[in-house]
Amino acid sequence: MTNLQSITPIQALQSSRNVADTMAGISAAGGQPSMFSQIFESMVNNVKETEAAKNEAYYALATGQLDNPAEATIAATQASLASDLLIQMRNRALDAYSELMRISL
């Protein structure tokens, strides 16, 4: 007989509140979030919403509540595209930051 041990879940490095504070980008003047942070926040929310819609569509398909299986495929494609767009925007922002860091004054 072998002893089976359960796998411990992966723990987050930062709490979601710390990440939200870091991404908020609150400016010193006025305390308003920057346009940059608002764009990324809306994109992250879009990814969360499309992933939730995909999961709901797959659940409905698996339980027989979805009449048109193409709806599940469309939801999955939308979630994939939202994730890809977020990743590309992150990459472009990092490239722009790197370019700015190379500028010598």
PDB file of N, CA and C in Angstrom:
ATOM      1  N   MET A   1       0.835  -1.188   0.000  1.00  0.00           N
ATOM      2  CA  MET A   1       0.000   0.000   0.000  1.00  0.00           C
ATOM      3  C   MET A   1       0.870   1.237   0.000  1.00  0.00           C
ATOM      4  N   THR A   2       0.451   2.211  -0.740  1.00  0.00           N
ATOM      5  CA  THR A   2       1.198   3.470  -0.796  1.00  0.00           C
ATOM      6  C   THR A   2       0.438   4.554  -0.064  1.00  0.00           C
ATOM      7  N   ASN A   3       1.185   5.448   0.523  1.00  0.00           N
ATOM      8  CA  ASN A   3       0.570   6.585   1.193  1.00  0.00           C
ATOM      9  C   ASN A   3       0.408   7.724   0.203  1.00  0.00           C
ATOM     10  N   LEU A   4      -0.801   8.184   0.032  1.00  0.00           N
ATOM     11  CA  LEU A   4      -1.070   9.289  -0.880  1.00  0.00           C
ATOM     12  C   LEU A   4      -1.214  10.574  -0.089  1.00  0.00           C
ATOM     13  N   GLN A   5      -0.549  11.597  -0.539  1.00  0.00           N
ATOM     14  CA  GLN A   5      -0.641  12.899   0.102  1.00  0.00           C
ATOM     15  C   GLN A   5      -1.257  13.876  -0.890  1.00  0.00           C
ATOM     16  N   SER A   6      -2.092  14.746  -0.370  1.00  0.00           N
ATOM     17  CA  SER A   6      -2.704  15.724  -1.252  1.00  0.00           C
ATOM     18  C   SER A   6      -1.695  16.809  -1.600  1.00  0.00           C
ATOM     19  N   ILE A   7      -1.878  17.385  -2.754  1.00  0.00           N
ATOM     20  CA  ILE A   7      -1.004  18.456  -3.216  1.00  0.00           C
ATOM     21  C   ILE A   7      -1.482  19.755  -2.600  1.00  0.00           C
ATOM     22  N   THR A   8      -0.567  20.501  -2.026  1.00  0.00           N
ATOM     23  CA  THR A   8      -0.955  21.775  -1.429  1.00  0.00           C
ATOM     24  C   THR A   8      -1.137  22.807  -2.534  1.00  0.00           C
ATOM     25  N   PRO A   9      -2.140  23.669  -2.406  1.00  0.00           N
ATOM     26  CA  PRO A   9      -2.381  24.664  -3.462  1.00  0.00           C
ATOM     27  C   PRO A   9      -1.266  25.705  -3.504  1.00  0.00           C
ATOM     28  N   ILE A  10      -1.111  26.301  -4.662  1.00  0.00           N
ATOM     29  CA  ILE A  10      -0.112  27.347  -4.853  1.00  0.00           C
ATOM     30  C   ILE A  10      -0.599  28.617  -4.171  1.00  0.00           C
ATOM     31  N   GLN A  11       0.263  29.246  -3.413  1.00  0.00           N
ATOM     32  CA  GLN A  11      -0.084  30.470  -2.706  1.00  0.00           C
ATOM     33  C   GLN A  11       0.358  31.677  -3.523  1.00  0.00           C
ATOM     34  N   ALA A  12      -0.445  32.724  -3.510  1.00  0.00           N
ATOM     35  CA  ALA A  12      -0.109  33.946  -4.221  1.00  0.00           C
ATOM     36  C   ALA A  12       1.063  34.642  -3.540  1.00  0.00           C
ATOM     37  N   LEU A  13       1.908  35.301  -4.339  1.00  0.00           N
ATOM     38  CA  LEU A  13       3.032  36.029  -3.782  1.00  0.00           C
ATOM     39  C   LEU A  13       2.582  37.292  -3.073  1.00  0.00           C
ATOM     40  N   GLN A  14       1.567  37.961  -3.636  1.00  0.00           N
ATOM     41  CA  GLN A  14       1.016  39.160  -3.037  1.00  0.00           C
ATOM     42  C   GLN A  14      -0.484  38.973  -2.929  1.00  0.00           C
ATOM     43  N   SER A  15      -1.063  39.639  -1.970  1.00  0.00           N
ATOM     44  CA  SER A  15      -2.515  39.599  -1.885  1.00  0.00           C
ATOM     45  C   SER A  15      -3.087  40.417  -3.029  1.00  0.00           C
ATOM     46  N   SER A  16      -4.316  40.160  -3.397  1.00  0.00           N
ATOM     47  CA  SER A  16      -4.928  40.884  -4.510  1.00  0.00           C
ATOM     48  C   SER A  16      -5.066  42.361  -4.197  1.00  0.00           C
ATOM     49  N   ARG A  17      -5.188  42.724  -2.944  1.00  0.00           N
ATOM     50  CA  ARG A  17      -5.282  44.140  -2.567  1.00  0.00           C
ATOM     51  C   ARG A  17      -3.959  44.849  -2.836  1.00  0.00           C
ATOM     52  N   ASN A  18      -2.828  44.195  -2.536  1.00  0.00           N
ATOM     53  CA  ASN A  18      -1.523  44.808  -2.804  1.00  0.00           C
ATOM     54  C   ASN A  18      -1.304  44.989  -4.297  1.00  0.00           C
ATOM     55  N   VAL A  19      -1.716  44.023  -5.091  1.00  0.00           N
ATOM     56  CA  VAL A  19      -1.577  44.131  -6.529  1.00  0.00           C
ATOM     57  C   VAL A  19      -2.454  45.264  -7.048  1.00  0.00           C
ATOM     58  N   ALA A  20      -3.672  45.378  -6.531  1.00  0.00           N
ATOM     59  CA  ALA A  20      -4.567  46.447  -6.961  1.00  0.00           C
ATOM     60  C   ALA A  20      -3.998  47.804  -6.587  1.00  0.00           C
ATOM     61  N   ASP A  21      -3.398  47.910  -5.401  1.00  0.00           N
ATOM     62  CA  ASP A  21      -2.778  49.172  -4.993  1.00  0.00           C
ATOM     63  C   ASP A  21      -1.604  49.512  -5.893  1.00  0.00           C
ATOM     64  N   THR A  22      -0.823  48.511  -6.260  1.00  0.00           N
ATOM     65  CA  THR A  22       0.327  48.740  -7.111  1.00  0.00           C
ATOM     66  C   THR A  22      -0.107  49.177  -8.506  1.00  0.00           C
ATOM     67  N   MET A  23      -1.153  48.544  -9.033  1.00  0.00           N
ATOM     68  CA  MET A  23      -1.607  48.849 -10.377  1.00  0.00           C
ATOM     69  C   MET A  23      -2.442  50.113 -10.445  1.00  0.00           C
ATOM     70  N   ALA A  24      -2.914  50.606  -9.317  1.00  0.00           N
ATOM     71  CA  ALA A  24      -3.805  51.763  -9.328  1.00  0.00           C
ATOM     72  C   ALA A  24      -3.120  52.988  -9.890  1.00  0.00           C
ATOM     73  N   GLY A  25      -1.840  53.150  -9.609  1.00  0.00           N
ATOM     74  CA  GLY A  25      -1.097  54.262 -10.176  1.00  0.00           C
ATOM     75  C   GLY A  25      -1.672  55.608  -9.778  1.00  0.00           C
ATOM     76  N   ILE A  26      -1.998  55.773  -8.528  1.00  0.00           N
ATOM     77  CA  ILE A  26      -2.603  57.020  -8.082  1.00  0.00           C
ATOM     78  C   ILE A  26      -1.559  58.114  -8.149  1.00  0.00           C
ATOM     79  N   SER A  27      -1.901  59.191  -8.843  1.00  0.00           N
ATOM     80  CA  SER A  27      -0.957  60.299  -8.981  1.00  0.00           C
ATOM     81  C   SER A  27      -0.989  61.166  -7.747  1.00  0.00           C
ATOM     82  N   ALA A  28       0.095  61.891  -7.519  1.00  0.00           N
ATOM     83  CA  ALA A  28       0.196  62.740  -6.334  1.00  0.00           C
ATOM     84  C   ALA A  28      -0.765  63.918  -6.424  1.00  0.00           C
ATOM     85  N   ALA A  29      -1.014  64.420  -7.602  1.00  0.00           N
ATOM     86  CA  ALA A  29      -1.892  65.584  -7.759  1.00  0.00           C
ATOM     87  C   ALA A  29      -3.315  65.117  -7.982  1.00  0.00           C
ATOM     88  N   GLY A  30      -4.163  65.338  -7.004  1.00  0.00           N
ATOM     89  CA  GLY A  30      -5.578  65.031  -7.160  1.00  0.00           C
ATOM     90  C   GLY A  30      -5.978  63.650  -6.699  1.00  0.00           C
ATOM     91  N   GLY A  31      -5.081  62.704  -6.585  1.00  0.00           N
ATOM     92  CA  GLY A  31      -5.428  61.374  -6.129  1.00  0.00           C
ATOM     93  C   GLY A  31      -6.257  60.570  -7.123  1.00  0.00           C
ATOM     94  N   GLN A  32      -6.232  60.957  -8.396  1.00  0.00           N
ATOM     95  CA  GLN A  32      -6.991  60.244  -9.429  1.00  0.00           C
ATOM     96  C   GLN A  32      -6.103  59.194 -10.076  1.00  0.00           C
ATOM     97  N   PRO A  33      -6.683  58.034 -10.409  1.00  0.00           N
ATOM     98  CA  PRO A  33      -5.891  57.028 -11.118  1.00  0.00           C
ATOM     99  C   PRO A  33      -5.493  57.550 -12.502  1.00  0.00           C
ATOM    100  N   SER A  34      -4.329  57.149 -12.961  1.00  0.00           N
ATOM    101  CA  SER A  34      -3.870  57.583 -14.274  1.00  0.00           C
ATOM    102  C   SER A  34      -4.638  56.850 -15.372  1.00  0.00           C
ATOM    103  N   MET A  35      -4.613  57.441 -16.569  1.00  0.00           N
ATOM    104  CA  MET A  35      -5.300  56.828 -17.704  1.00  0.00           C
ATOM    105  C   MET A  35      -4.679  55.460 -18.015  1.00  0.00           C
ATOM    106  N   PHE A  36      -3.367  55.361 -17.843  1.00  0.00           N
ATOM    107  CA  PHE A  36      -2.656  54.105 -18.077  1.00  0.00           C
ATOM    108  C   PHE A  36      -3.201  53.001 -17.183  1.00  0.00           C
ATOM    109  N   SER A  37      -3.355  53.305 -15.901  1.00  0.00           N
ATOM    110  CA  SER A  37      -3.847  52.287 -14.971  1.00  0.00           C
ATOM    111  C   SER A  37      -5.308  51.961 -15.232  1.00  0.00           C
ATOM    112  N   GLN A  38      -6.087  52.945 -15.656  1.00  0.00           N
ATOM    113  CA  GLN A  38      -7.495  52.694 -15.961  1.00  0.00           C
ATOM    114  C   GLN A  38      -7.637  51.752 -17.150  1.00  0.00           C
ATOM    115  N   ILE A  39      -6.790  51.924 -18.151  1.00  0.00           N
ATOM    116  CA  ILE A  39      -6.832  51.054 -19.328  1.00  0.00           C
ATOM    117  C   ILE A  39      -6.510  49.622 -18.933  1.00  0.00           C
ATOM    118  N   PHE A  40      -5.432  49.441 -18.170  1.00  0.00           N
ATOM    119  CA  PHE A  40      -5.065  48.087 -17.773  1.00  0.00           C
ATOM    120  C   PHE A  40      -6.084  47.468 -16.827  1.00  0.00           C
ATOM    121  N   GLU A  41      -6.647  48.269 -15.949  1.00  0.00           N
ATOM    122  CA  GLU A  41      -7.675  47.748 -15.045  1.00  0.00           C
ATOM    123  C   GLU A  41      -8.897  47.288 -15.824  1.00  0.00           C
ATOM    124  N   SER A  42      -9.302  48.062 -16.824  1.00  0.00           N
ATOM    125  CA  SER A  42     -10.463  47.657 -17.625  1.00  0.00           C
ATOM    126  C   SER A  42     -10.154  46.402 -18.441  1.00  0.00           C
ATOM    127  N   MET A  43      -8.909  46.268 -18.901  1.00  0.00           N
ATOM    128  CA  MET A  43      -8.543  45.074 -19.656  1.00  0.00           C
ATOM    129  C   MET A  43      -8.519  43.834 -18.767  1.00  0.00           C
ATOM    130  N   VAL A  44      -8.021  43.978 -17.544  1.00  0.00           N
ATOM    131  CA  VAL A  44      -8.014  42.851 -16.606  1.00  0.00           C
ATOM    132  C   VAL A  44      -9.448  42.451 -16.275  1.00  0.00           C
ATOM    133  N   ASN A  45     -10.308  43.433 -16.052  1.00  0.00           N
ATOM    134  CA  ASN A  45     -11.717  43.136 -15.774  1.00  0.00           C
ATOM    135  C   ASN A  45     -12.372  42.452 -16.968  1.00  0.00           C
ATOM    136  N   ASN A  46     -12.014  42.864 -18.181  1.00  0.00           N
ATOM    137  CA  ASN A  46     -12.557  42.230 -19.382  1.00  0.00           C
ATOM    138  C   ASN A  46     -12.134  40.766 -19.461  1.00  0.00           C
ATOM    139  N   VAL A  47     -10.881  40.484 -19.121  1.00  0.00           N
ATOM    140  CA  VAL A  47     -10.404  39.093 -19.127  1.00  0.00           C
ATOM    141  C   VAL A  47     -11.176  38.270 -18.101  1.00  0.00           C
ATOM    142  N   LYS A  48     -11.386  38.836 -16.917  1.00  0.00           N
ATOM    143  CA  LYS A  48     -12.138  38.114 -15.882  1.00  0.00           C
ATOM    144  C   LYS A  48     -13.567  37.836 -16.330  1.00  0.00           C
ATOM    145  N   GLU A  49     -14.212  38.829 -16.941  1.00  0.00           N
ATOM    146  CA  GLU A  49     -15.599  38.669 -17.385  1.00  0.00           C
ATOM    147  C   GLU A  49     -15.712  37.632 -18.495  1.00  0.00           C
ATOM    148  N   THR A  50     -14.792  37.672 -19.463  1.00  0.00           N
ATOM    149  CA  THR A  50     -14.872  36.710 -20.564  1.00  0.00           C
ATOM    150  C   THR A  50     -14.550  35.293 -20.092  1.00  0.00           C
ATOM    151  N   GLU A  51     -13.637  35.166 -19.130  1.00  0.00           N
ATOM    152  CA  GLU A  51     -13.352  33.837 -18.570  1.00  0.00           C
ATOM    153  C   GLU A  51     -14.574  33.293 -17.825  1.00  0.00           C
ATOM    154  N   ALA A  52     -15.260  34.159 -17.088  1.00  0.00           N
ATOM    155  CA  ALA A  52     -16.460  33.727 -16.373  1.00  0.00           C
ATOM    156  C   ALA A  52     -17.552  33.317 -17.358  1.00  0.00           C
ATOM    157  N   ALA A  53     -17.705  34.083 -18.443  1.00  0.00           N
ATOM    158  CA  ALA A  53     -18.702  33.746 -19.461  1.00  0.00           C
ATOM    159  C   ALA A  53     -18.359  32.418 -20.132  1.00  0.00           C
ATOM    160  N   LYS A  54     -17.074  32.187 -20.378  1.00  0.00           N
ATOM    161  CA  LYS A  54     -16.642  30.915 -20.980  1.00  0.00           C
ATOM    162  C   LYS A  54     -16.953  29.750 -20.049  1.00  0.00           C
ATOM    163  N   ASN A  55     -16.648  29.921 -18.765  1.00  0.00           N
ATOM    164  CA  ASN A  55     -16.917  28.858 -17.805  1.00  0.00           C
ATOM    165  C   ASN A  55     -18.401  28.566 -17.695  1.00  0.00           C
ATOM    166  N   GLU A  56     -19.218  29.607 -17.710  1.00  0.00           N
ATOM    167  CA  GLU A  56     -20.674  29.415 -17.663  1.00  0.00           C
ATOM    168  C   GLU A  56     -21.173  28.684 -18.904  1.00  0.00           C
ATOM    169  N   ALA A  57     -20.630  29.056 -20.072  1.00  0.00           N
ATOM    170  CA  ALA A  57     -21.049  28.408 -21.318  1.00  0.00           C
ATOM    171  C   ALA A  57     -20.641  26.939 -21.321  1.00  0.00           C
ATOM    172  N   TYR A  58     -19.440  26.633 -20.852  1.00  0.00           N
ATOM    173  CA  TYR A  58     -19.006  25.240 -20.794  1.00  0.00           C
ATOM    174  C   TYR A  58     -19.830  24.436 -19.795  1.00  0.00           C
ATOM    175  N   TYR A  59     -20.168  25.056 -18.679  1.00  0.00           N
ATOM    176  CA  TYR A  59     -21.003  24.375 -17.685  1.00  0.00           C
ATOM    177  C   TYR A  59     -22.388  24.086 -18.284  1.00  0.00           C
ATOM    178  N   ALA A  60     -22.946  25.092 -18.962  1.00  0.00           N
ATOM    179  CA  ALA A  60     -24.264  24.907 -19.574  1.00  0.00           C
ATOM    180  C   ALA A  60     -24.201  23.834 -20.664  1.00  0.00           C
ATOM    181  N   LEU A  61     -23.112  23.792 -21.411  1.00  0.00           N
ATOM    182  CA  LEU A  61     -22.953  22.770 -22.446  1.00  0.00           C
ATOM    183  C   LEU A  61     -22.827  21.383 -21.830  1.00  0.00           C
ATOM    184  N   ALA A  62     -22.067  21.267 -20.749  1.00  0.00           N
ATOM    185  CA  ALA A  62     -21.857  19.966 -20.105  1.00  0.00           C
ATOM    186  C   ALA A  62     -23.121  19.448 -19.439  1.00  0.00           C
ATOM    187  N   THR A  63     -23.963  20.349 -18.950  1.00  0.00           N
ATOM    188  CA  THR A  63     -25.188  19.921 -18.276  1.00  0.00           C
ATOM    189  C   THR A  63     -26.377  19.827 -19.218  1.00  0.00           C
ATOM    190  N   GLY A  64     -26.154  20.126 -20.503  1.00  0.00           N
ATOM    191  CA  GLY A  64     -27.226  20.006 -21.481  1.00  0.00           C
ATOM    192  C   GLY A  64     -28.172  21.188 -21.507  1.00  0.00           C
ATOM    193  N   GLN A  65     -27.791  22.299 -20.884  1.00  0.00           N
ATOM    194  CA  GLN A  65     -28.652  23.477 -20.863  1.00  0.00           C
ATOM    195  C   GLN A  65     -28.409  24.393 -22.060  1.00  0.00           C
ATOM    196  N   LEU A  66     -27.369  24.149 -22.817  1.00  0.00           N
ATOM    197  CA  LEU A  66     -27.012  24.990 -23.956  1.00  0.00           C
ATOM    198  C   LEU A  66     -27.456  24.306 -25.232  1.00  0.00           C
ATOM    199  N   ASP A  67     -28.318  24.978 -25.976  1.00  0.00           N
ATOM    200  CA  ASP A  67     -28.844  24.384 -27.203  1.00  0.00           C
ATOM    201  C   ASP A  67     -27.854  24.465 -28.360  1.00  0.00           C
ATOM    202  N   ASN A  68     -27.093  25.544 -28.415  1.00  0.00           N
ATOM    203  CA  ASN A  68     -26.176  25.764 -29.523  1.00  0.00           C
ATOM    204  C   ASN A  68     -24.736  25.641 -29.029  1.00  0.00           C
ATOM    205  N   PRO A  69     -24.047  24.562 -29.372  1.00  0.00           N
ATOM    206  CA  PRO A  69     -22.670  24.391 -28.894  1.00  0.00           C
ATOM    207  C   PRO A  69     -21.711  25.438 -29.440  1.00  0.00           C
ATOM    208  N   ALA A  70     -22.087  26.132 -30.500  1.00  0.00           N
ATOM    209  CA  ALA A  70     -21.218  27.173 -31.051  1.00  0.00           C
ATOM    210  C   ALA A  70     -21.062  28.331 -30.068  1.00  0.00           C
ATOM    211  N   GLU A  71     -22.043  28.524 -29.194  1.00  0.00           N
ATOM    212  CA  GLU A  71     -21.953  29.604 -28.205  1.00  0.00           C
ATOM    213  C   GLU A  71     -20.790  29.372 -27.244  1.00  0.00           C
ATOM    214  N   ALA A  72     -20.550  28.121 -26.897  1.00  0.00           N
ATOM    215  CA  ALA A  72     -19.421  27.800 -26.022  1.00  0.00           C
ATOM    216  C   ALA A  72     -18.103  28.071 -26.734  1.00  0.00           C
ATOM    217  N   THR A  73     -18.035  27.745 -28.013  1.00  0.00           N
ATOM    218  CA  THR A  73     -16.832  28.006 -28.796  1.00  0.00           C
ATOM    219  C   THR A  73     -16.589  29.503 -28.933  1.00  0.00           C
ATOM    220  N   ILE A  74     -17.650  30.259 -29.154  1.00  0.00           N
ATOM    221  CA  ILE A  74     -17.520  31.718 -29.272  1.00  0.00           C
ATOM    222  C   ILE A  74     -17.038  32.309 -27.953  1.00  0.00           C
ATOM    223  N   ALA A  75     -17.591  31.852 -26.849  1.00  0.00           N
ATOM    224  CA  ALA A  75     -17.172  32.355 -25.534  1.00  0.00           C
ATOM    225  C   ALA A  75     -15.710  32.022 -25.265  1.00  0.00           C
ATOM    226  N   ALA A  76     -15.279  30.829 -25.655  1.00  0.00           N
ATOM    227  CA  ALA A  76     -13.883  30.442 -25.464  1.00  0.00           C
ATOM    228  C   ALA A  76     -12.951  31.294 -26.324  1.00  0.00           C
ATOM    229  N   THR A  77     -13.361  31.584 -27.544  1.00  0.00           N
ATOM    230  CA  THR A  77     -12.553  32.420 -28.425  1.00  0.00           C
ATOM    231  C   THR A  77     -12.457  33.842 -27.891  1.00  0.00           C
ATOM    232  N   GLN A  78     -13.560  34.366 -27.390  1.00  0.00           N
ATOM    233  CA  GLN A  78     -13.543  35.712 -26.816  1.00  0.00           C
ATOM    234  C   GLN A  78     -12.608  35.771 -25.610  1.00  0.00           C
ATOM    235  N   ALA A  79     -12.650  34.767 -24.761  1.00  0.00           N
ATOM    236  CA  ALA A  79     -11.768  34.738 -23.590  1.00  0.00           C
ATOM    237  C   ALA A  79     -10.306  34.645 -24.011  1.00  0.00           C
ATOM    238  N   SER A  80     -10.028  33.846 -25.010  1.00  0.00           N
ATOM    239  CA  SER A  80      -8.666  33.700 -25.508  1.00  0.00           C
ATOM    240  C   SER A  80      -8.154  35.011 -26.106  1.00  0.00           C
ATOM    241  N   LEU A  81      -8.986  35.672 -26.885  1.00  0.00           N
ATOM    242  CA  LEU A  81      -8.582  36.936 -27.495  1.00  0.00           C
ATOM    243  C   LEU A  81      -8.381  38.027 -26.449  1.00  0.00           C
ATOM    244  N   ALA A  82      -9.222  38.058 -25.428  1.00  0.00           N
ATOM    245  CA  ALA A  82      -9.065  39.054 -24.363  1.00  0.00           C
ATOM    246  C   ALA A  82      -7.745  38.834 -23.626  1.00  0.00           C
ATOM    247  N   SER A  83      -7.399  37.583 -23.361  1.00  0.00           N
ATOM    248  CA  SER A  83      -6.124  37.277 -22.697  1.00  0.00           C
ATOM    249  C   SER A  83      -4.941  37.652 -23.585  1.00  0.00           C
ATOM    250  N   ASP A  84      -5.030  37.322 -24.860  1.00  0.00           N
ATOM    251  CA  ASP A  84      -3.949  37.651 -25.787  1.00  0.00           C
ATOM    252  C   ASP A  84      -3.758  39.162 -25.907  1.00  0.00           C
ATOM    253  N   LEU A  85      -4.853  39.903 -25.951  1.00  0.00           N
ATOM    254  CA  LEU A  85      -4.756  41.356 -26.038  1.00  0.00           C
ATOM    255  C   LEU A  85      -4.107  41.939 -24.787  1.00  0.00           C
ATOM    256  N   LEU A  86      -4.478  41.435 -23.633  1.00  0.00           N
ATOM    257  CA  LEU A  86      -3.873  41.905 -22.382  1.00  0.00           C
ATOM    258  C   LEU A  86      -2.377  41.625 -22.364  1.00  0.00           C
ATOM    259  N   ILE A  87      -1.988  40.460 -22.814  1.00  0.00           N
ATOM    260  CA  ILE A  87      -0.569  40.097 -22.848  1.00  0.00           C
ATOM    261  C   ILE A  87       0.193  40.992 -23.811  1.00  0.00           C
ATOM    262  N   GLN A  88      -0.383  41.255 -24.982  1.00  0.00           N
ATOM    263  CA  GLN A  88       0.275  42.126 -25.953  1.00  0.00           C
ATOM    264  C   GLN A  88       0.408  43.554 -25.435  1.00  0.00           C
ATOM    265  N   MET A  89      -0.623  44.044 -24.760  1.00  0.00           N
ATOM    266  CA  MET A  89      -0.552  45.389 -24.190  1.00  0.00           C
ATOM    267  C   MET A  89       0.529  45.455 -23.110  1.00  0.00           C
ATOM    268  N   ARG A  90       0.620  44.422 -22.298  1.00  0.00           N
ATOM    269  CA  ARG A  90       1.675  44.376 -21.286  1.00  0.00           C
ATOM    270  C   ARG A  90       3.046  44.389 -21.928  1.00  0.00           C
ATOM    271  N   ASN A  91       3.219  43.597 -22.975  1.00  0.00           N
ATOM    272  CA  ASN A  91       4.509  43.545 -23.658  1.00  0.00           C
ATOM    273  C   ASN A  91       4.871  44.899 -24.267  1.00  0.00           C
ATOM    274  N   ARG A  92       3.889  45.568 -24.870  1.00  0.00           N
ATOM    275  CA  ARG A  92       4.148  46.888 -25.465  1.00  0.00           C
ATOM    276  C   ARG A  92       4.497  47.907 -24.387  1.00  0.00           C
ATOM    277  N   ALA A  93       3.828  47.836 -23.261  1.00  0.00           N
ATOM    278  CA  ALA A  93       4.124  48.771 -22.164  1.00  0.00           C
ATOM    279  C   ALA A  93       5.535  48.532 -21.633  1.00  0.00           C
ATOM    280  N   LEU A  94       5.942  47.279 -21.512  1.00  0.00           N
ATOM    281  CA  LEU A  94       7.298  46.978 -21.053  1.00  0.00           C
ATOM    282  C   LEU A  94       8.343  47.429 -22.067  1.00  0.00           C
ATOM    283  N   ASP A  95       8.042  47.271 -23.357  1.00  0.00           N
ATOM    284  CA  ASP A  95       8.962  47.752 -24.387  1.00  0.00           C
ATOM    285  C   ASP A  95       9.103  49.271 -24.330  1.00  0.00           C
ATOM    286  N   ALA A  96       7.988  49.967 -24.148  1.00  0.00           N
ATOM    287  CA  ALA A  96       8.034  51.425 -24.055  1.00  0.00           C
ATOM    288  C   ALA A  96       8.826  51.856 -22.826  1.00  0.00           C
ATOM    289  N   TYR A  97       8.623  51.185 -21.728  1.00  0.00           N
ATOM    290  CA  TYR A  97       9.370  51.499 -20.496  1.00  0.00           C
ATOM    291  C   TYR A  97      10.863  51.276 -20.710  1.00  0.00           C
ATOM    292  N   SER A  98      11.207  50.205 -21.360  1.00  0.00           N
ATOM    293  CA  SER A  98      12.630  49.919 -21.635  1.00  0.00           C
ATOM    294  C   SER A  98      13.233  50.998 -22.510  1.00  0.00           C
ATOM    295  N   GLU A  99      12.496  51.447 -23.509  1.00  0.00           N
ATOM    296  CA  GLU A  99      12.982  52.522 -24.377  1.00  0.00           C
ATOM    297  C   GLU A  99      13.195  53.802 -23.593  1.00  0.00           C
ATOM    298  N   LEU A 100      12.269  54.110 -22.714  1.00  0.00           N
ATOM    299  CA  LEU A 100      12.403  55.326 -21.905  1.00  0.00           C
ATOM    300  C   LEU A 100      13.611  55.234 -20.969  1.00  0.00           C
ATOM    301  N   MET A 101      13.885  54.059 -20.460  1.00  0.00           N
ATOM    302  CA  MET A 101      15.025  53.884 -19.563  1.00  0.00           C
ATOM    303  C   MET A 101      16.348  54.017 -20.308  1.00  0.00           C
ATOM    304  N   ARG A 102      16.379  53.765 -21.609  1.00  0.00           N
ATOM    305  CA  ARG A 102      17.604  53.871 -22.392  1.00  0.00           C
ATOM    306  C   ARG A 102      17.939  55.310 -22.761  1.00  0.00           C
ATOM    307  N   ILE A 103      16.977  56.197 -22.653  1.00  0.00           N
ATOM    308  CA  ILE A 103      17.221  57.590 -23.007  1.00  0.00           C
ATOM    309  C   ILE A 103      18.114  58.211 -21.951  1.00  0.00           C
ATOM    310  N   SER A 104      19.182  58.824 -22.409  1.00  0.00           N
ATOM    311  CA  SER A 104      20.082  59.509 -21.470  1.00  0.00           C
ATOM    312  C   SER A 104      19.798  61.004 -21.537  1.00  0.00           C
ATOM    313  N   LEU A 105      19.747  61.579 -20.380  1.00  0.00           N
ATOM    314  CA  LEU A 105      19.456  63.021 -20.323  1.00  0.00           C
ATOM    315  C   LEU A 105      20.705  63.827 -20.227  1.00  0.00           C
TER     316      LEU A 105
END
